[in-house]
Amino acid sequence: MLSLPTAFMKTIREVHKEKGEKWLEDFQQLIHECEERWQLEIKPPFDLSYNFVAPAIRKDGV
């Protein structure tokens, strides 16, 4: 389970209101689907305030 930076979550809620809250609620499922689809492990995100950016490692280690 990935933890999102507090400032990031605050910005998403302030800018996108209900849609942002829904996106945050669905975030873990979205990450899981991305990891499954592209056979990745998504690592903790960089500490940004608006965009979600995170490193990832493929299942083959690359």
C-alpha atoms as a PDB file:
ATOM      1  CA  MET A   1       0.000   0.000   0.000  1.00  0.00           C
ATOM      2  CA  LEU A   2       1.431   3.344  -1.045  1.00  0.00           C
ATOM      3  CA  SER A   3       1.165   6.401   1.146  1.00  0.00           C
ATOM      4  CA  LEU A   4       0.545   9.690  -0.573  1.00  0.00           C
ATOM      5  CA  PRO A   5       2.186  12.902   0.655  1.00  0.00           C
ATOM      6  CA  THR A   6      -0.151  15.034   2.744  1.00  0.00           C
ATOM      7  CA  ALA A   7       0.449  18.152   0.625  1.00  0.00           C
ATOM      8  CA  PHE A   8      -0.405  16.185  -2.516  1.00  0.00           C
ATOM      9  CA  MET A   9      -3.697  14.933  -1.079  1.00  0.00           C
ATOM     10  CA  LYS A  10      -4.610  18.401   0.141  1.00  0.00           C
ATOM     11  CA  THR A  11      -3.981  19.904  -3.286  1.00  0.00           C
ATOM     12  CA  ILE A  12      -5.995  17.211  -5.063  1.00  0.00           C
ATOM     13  CA  ARG A  13      -8.935  17.795  -2.715  1.00  0.00           C
ATOM     14  CA  GLU A  14      -8.780  21.582  -3.053  1.00  0.00           C
ATOM     15  CA  VAL A  15      -8.407  21.667  -6.829  1.00  0.00           C
ATOM     16  CA  HIS A  16     -10.687  18.792  -7.852  1.00  0.00           C
ATOM     17  CA  LYS A  17     -13.237  18.769  -5.002  1.00  0.00           C
ATOM     18  CA  GLU A  18     -15.495  15.668  -5.119  1.00  0.00           C
ATOM     19  CA  LYS A  19     -13.714  14.161  -8.139  1.00  0.00           C
ATOM     20  CA  GLY A  20     -10.393  14.517  -6.343  1.00  0.00           C
ATOM     21  CA  GLU A  21     -11.777  12.852  -3.228  1.00  0.00           C
ATOM     22  CA  LYS A  22     -13.106   9.974  -5.354  1.00  0.00           C
ATOM     23  CA  TRP A  23      -9.731   9.613  -7.103  1.00  0.00           C
ATOM     24  CA  LEU A  24      -7.974   9.474  -3.730  1.00  0.00           C
ATOM     25  CA  GLU A  25     -10.457   6.866  -2.474  1.00  0.00           C
ATOM     26  CA  ASP A  26      -9.825   4.716  -5.569  1.00  0.00           C
ATOM     27  CA  PHE A  27      -6.063   5.315  -5.642  1.00  0.00           C
ATOM     28  CA  GLN A  28      -4.914   1.981  -4.167  1.00  0.00           C
ATOM     29  CA  GLN A  29      -7.071   0.044  -6.627  1.00  0.00           C
ATOM     30  CA  LEU A  30      -5.716   2.121  -9.526  1.00  0.00           C
ATOM     31  CA  ILE A  31      -2.133   1.390  -8.453  1.00  0.00           C
ATOM     32  CA  HIS A  32      -2.921  -2.310  -8.141  1.00  0.00           C
ATOM     33  CA  GLU A  33      -4.445  -2.384 -11.640  1.00  0.00           C
ATOM     34  CA  CYS A  34      -1.417  -0.595 -13.120  1.00  0.00           C
ATOM     35  CA  GLU A  35       0.990  -2.997 -11.406  1.00  0.00           C
ATOM     36  CA  GLU A  36      -0.932  -5.997 -12.716  1.00  0.00           C
ATOM     37  CA  ARG A  37      -1.401  -4.635 -16.228  1.00  0.00           C
ATOM     38  CA  TRP A  38       2.242  -3.694 -16.780  1.00  0.00           C
ATOM     39  CA  GLN A  39       3.831  -6.232 -14.414  1.00  0.00           C
ATOM     40  CA  LEU A  40       5.432  -3.553 -12.208  1.00  0.00           C
ATOM     41  CA  GLU A  41       5.991  -2.725  -8.610  1.00  0.00           C
ATOM     42  CA  ILE A  42       5.285   0.959  -8.073  1.00  0.00           C
ATOM     43  CA  LYS A  43       7.503   2.431  -5.378  1.00  0.00           C
ATOM     44  CA  PRO A  44       6.689   5.336  -3.035  1.00  0.00           C
ATOM     45  CA  PRO A  45       6.009   8.560  -4.924  1.00  0.00           C
ATOM     46  CA  PHE A  46       8.219  11.586  -5.072  1.00  0.00           C
ATOM     47  CA  ASP A  47       7.129  14.373  -2.742  1.00  0.00           C
ATOM     48  CA  LEU A  48       5.265  16.606  -5.184  1.00  0.00           C
ATOM     49  CA  SER A  49       2.265  18.807  -4.561  1.00  0.00           C
ATOM     50  CA  TYR A  50       0.156  18.266  -7.698  1.00  0.00           C
ATOM     51  CA  ASN A  51       1.321  15.461 -10.005  1.00  0.00           C
ATOM     52  CA  PHE A  52       1.690  11.838  -8.991  1.00  0.00           C
ATOM     53  CA  VAL A  53       5.150  10.638 -10.009  1.00  0.00           C
ATOM     54  CA  ALA A  54       6.678   7.440  -8.712  1.00  0.00           C
ATOM     55  CA  PRO A  55       9.505   5.129  -9.700  1.00  0.00           C
ATOM     56  CA  ALA A  56       8.609   1.590 -10.710  1.00  0.00           C
ATOM     57  CA  ILE A  57      10.433  -1.691 -11.144  1.00  0.00           C
ATOM     58  CA  ARG A  58       9.317  -4.283 -13.662  1.00  0.00           C
ATOM     59  CA  LYS A  59       8.862  -7.860 -12.482  1.00  0.00           C
ATOM     60  CA  ASP A  60      12.089  -8.764 -14.316  1.00  0.00           C
ATOM     61  CA  GLY A  61      14.009  -6.289 -12.134  1.00  0.00           C
ATOM     62  CA  VAL A  62      14.500  -3.551 -14.733  1.00  0.00           C
END
